[in-house]
Amino acid sequence: MGLCLPCLGGAAEDVVETPDPESKRRQLAEAAEKRQMEATSRGVKNPYSVEQKKKKQEEMEKQIASSSSGGGGGGLRWQVG
């Protein structure tokens, strides 16, 4: 029968230290951000192109919103008769 005692061999080298809570939080946040980026780019061949199209669409929506609220009488009028 053999005994496994950490003081007899190099068992102290095998002990894995747990990281402090702050570094653990940072690692978890980085992993979550990485998963989110992978999920958003899944199935997309060119993510840069998708971002550009999204920005362009947002700019168009802003222009439409600003022109419709600021113009006053520039829209189409329907006449019921």
Protein backbone atom coordinates (compact mmCIF):
# COMPACT_ATOMS: atom_id res chain seq x y z
CA MET A 1 0.00 0.00 0.00
CA GLY A 2 1.33 3.36 -0.95
CA LEU A 3 0.49 6.69 0.58
CA CYS A 4 0.04 9.85 -1.46
CA LEU A 5 1.38 12.67 0.61
CA PRO A 6 2.14 16.06 -0.97
CA CYS A 7 5.18 16.56 1.22
CA LEU A 8 7.00 13.49 -0.14
CA GLY A 9 7.24 14.30 -3.83
CA GLY A 10 6.78 17.07 -6.36
CA ALA A 11 3.06 17.31 -5.65
CA ALA A 12 3.36 20.99 -4.75
CA GLU A 13 4.13 21.72 -8.41
CA ASP A 14 0.90 20.01 -9.48
CA VAL A 15 -1.32 22.32 -7.43
CA VAL A 16 -3.31 24.71 -9.64
CA GLU A 17 -3.87 28.13 -8.14
CA THR A 18 -7.25 29.70 -8.71
CA PRO A 19 -7.16 33.24 -10.10
CA ASP A 20 -8.33 36.14 -7.99
CA PRO A 21 -11.98 37.22 -8.47
CA GLU A 22 -11.10 40.32 -10.53
CA SER A 23 -9.09 38.42 -13.13
CA LYS A 24 -11.76 35.70 -13.19
CA ARG A 25 -14.43 38.35 -13.96
CA ARG A 26 -12.24 39.82 -16.68
CA GLN A 27 -11.71 36.41 -18.28
CA LEU A 28 -15.43 35.68 -18.18
CA ALA A 29 -16.24 39.06 -19.73
CA GLU A 30 -13.72 38.52 -22.51
CA ALA A 31 -15.11 35.06 -23.20
CA ALA A 32 -18.67 36.40 -23.31
CA GLU A 33 -17.65 39.18 -25.71
CA LYS A 34 -15.87 36.66 -27.93
CA ARG A 35 -18.95 34.39 -28.01
CA GLN A 36 -21.15 37.36 -28.87
CA MET A 37 -18.88 38.41 -31.74
CA GLU A 38 -18.82 34.85 -33.08
CA ALA A 39 -22.61 34.61 -32.87
CA THR A 40 -23.15 37.87 -34.75
CA SER A 41 -20.72 36.91 -37.49
CA ARG A 42 -21.94 33.32 -37.87
CA GLY A 43 -22.84 32.67 -41.49
CA VAL A 44 -21.51 36.04 -42.66
CA LYS A 45 -18.68 35.93 -45.17
CA ASN A 46 -17.79 39.63 -44.93
CA PRO A 47 -18.69 41.13 -41.51
CA TYR A 48 -17.19 44.52 -42.48
CA SER A 49 -19.66 44.82 -45.36
CA VAL A 50 -22.56 44.00 -43.06
CA GLU A 51 -21.47 46.70 -40.61
CA GLN A 52 -21.21 49.27 -43.41
CA LYS A 53 -24.70 48.41 -44.67
CA LYS A 54 -26.09 48.67 -41.14
CA LYS A 55 -24.52 52.11 -40.62
CA LYS A 56 -25.80 53.30 -43.98
CA GLN A 57 -29.33 52.12 -43.12
CA GLU A 58 -29.20 53.93 -39.75
CA GLU A 59 -28.06 57.15 -41.46
CA MET A 60 -30.94 56.89 -43.95
CA GLU A 61 -33.43 56.40 -41.11
CA LYS A 62 -32.03 59.44 -39.28
CA GLN A 63 -32.32 61.57 -42.43
CA ILE A 64 -35.90 60.46 -43.00
CA ALA A 65 -36.82 61.17 -39.38
CA SER A 66 -35.21 64.61 -39.40
CA SER A 67 -36.71 65.62 -42.74
CA SER A 68 -40.24 64.53 -41.83
CA SER A 69 -40.26 66.28 -38.44
CA GLY A 70 -38.51 69.48 -39.54
CA GLY A 71 -40.20 70.15 -42.90
CA GLY A 72 -43.75 70.77 -41.74
CA GLY A 73 -45.61 70.72 -45.07
CA GLY A 74 -43.28 68.81 -47.33
CA GLY A 75 -45.07 65.46 -47.21
CA LEU A 76 -47.80 64.01 -49.40
CA ARG A 77 -51.38 64.95 -48.63
CA TRP A 78 -54.32 62.67 -49.10
CA GLN A 79 -57.62 64.14 -50.03
CA VAL A 80 -60.71 62.21 -49.11
CA GLY A 81 -63.61 63.14 -51.25
